[in-house]
Protein backbone atom coordinates (compact mmCIF):
# COMPACT_ATOMS: atom_id res chain seq x y z
CA MET A 1 66.02 26.28 -64.42
CA PRO A 2 69.10 28.57 -64.01
CA ASN A 3 72.87 27.14 -63.44
CA PRO A 4 75.55 28.51 -62.20
CA LYS A 5 77.63 29.90 -65.16
CA ARG A 6 81.20 28.86 -63.12
CA ARG A 7 82.45 26.52 -60.79
CA HIS A 8 82.88 28.03 -57.05
CA SER A 9 86.26 26.98 -55.56
CA LYS A 10 86.87 25.17 -52.96
CA SER A 11 88.04 28.05 -50.49
CA ARG A 12 84.90 29.76 -51.34
CA ARG A 13 82.73 26.57 -50.57
CA ASP A 14 84.43 25.99 -47.23
CA LYS A 15 84.02 29.66 -45.98
CA ARG A 16 80.51 29.04 -46.31
CA ARG A 17 80.79 26.11 -44.38
CA THR A 18 82.61 27.53 -41.35
CA HIS A 19 79.45 27.92 -39.14
CA TYR A 20 78.68 24.27 -40.06
CA LYS A 21 80.48 22.85 -36.61
CA ALA A 22 79.93 19.86 -34.19
CA THR A 23 79.95 21.24 -30.66
CA ALA A 24 81.18 19.17 -27.56
CA PRO A 25 78.59 17.70 -25.19
CA THR A 26 77.81 19.93 -21.90
CA VAL A 27 79.02 17.97 -19.24
CA GLY A 28 79.01 19.11 -15.79
CA PRO A 29 79.32 17.33 -12.18
CA CYS A 30 76.33 15.42 -10.70
CA ALA A 31 74.77 17.30 -6.99
CA ASN A 32 74.54 14.13 -5.66
CA CYS A 33 77.52 11.71 -6.24
CA GLY A 34 79.56 14.16 -8.01
CA ASN A 35 80.12 12.08 -11.15
CA THR A 36 80.14 13.72 -14.63
CA LYS A 37 77.03 13.45 -16.26
CA LEU A 38 75.18 15.37 -19.42
CA THR A 39 73.77 18.67 -18.35
CA HIS A 40 70.11 18.43 -18.19
CA THR A 41 69.72 14.48 -17.63
CA ALA A 42 69.41 12.39 -14.71
CA CYS A 43 72.94 11.15 -13.44
CA PRO A 44 73.61 7.66 -14.70
CA SER A 45 75.47 6.17 -11.85
CA CYS A 46 73.15 7.34 -8.88
CA GLY A 47 70.10 8.41 -10.46
CA TYR A 48 69.06 11.81 -8.88
CA TYR A 49 68.03 14.94 -11.09
CA ASN A 50 67.56 18.11 -9.79
CA GLY A 51 67.38 16.51 -6.21
CA ARG A 52 64.90 13.64 -6.93
CA LYS A 53 65.46 10.25 -7.14
CA MET A 54 64.32 9.68 -11.26
CA PHE A 55 64.77 6.47 -11.20
CA GLU A 56 65.98 2.84 -9.12
CA LEU A 57 69.49 1.09 -9.77
CA ASN A 58 70.15 -2.62 -8.94
CA SER A 59 73.41 -3.58 -7.81
CA THR A 60 74.70 -4.32 -11.16
CA GLY A 61 73.84 -0.76 -11.72
CA SER A 62 70.85 -1.21 -14.25
CA VAL A 63 67.76 0.33 -14.17
CA ALA A 64 65.20 -1.62 -11.73
CA GLU A 65 61.64 -2.47 -12.82
């Protein structure tokens, strides 16, 4: 298999890697209670998503079974 003739510099390597970066998670307010939550997920504090109750919460704040 062919191998590179010369070593690539750090700047050349880093220029290639500029698009590989971490993005901040998108958060927004809950429509029901107003607390911040991840978008497209159920609210962990009230249990609502898209106007519907997805799960019940105990008095301790955990999911009821």
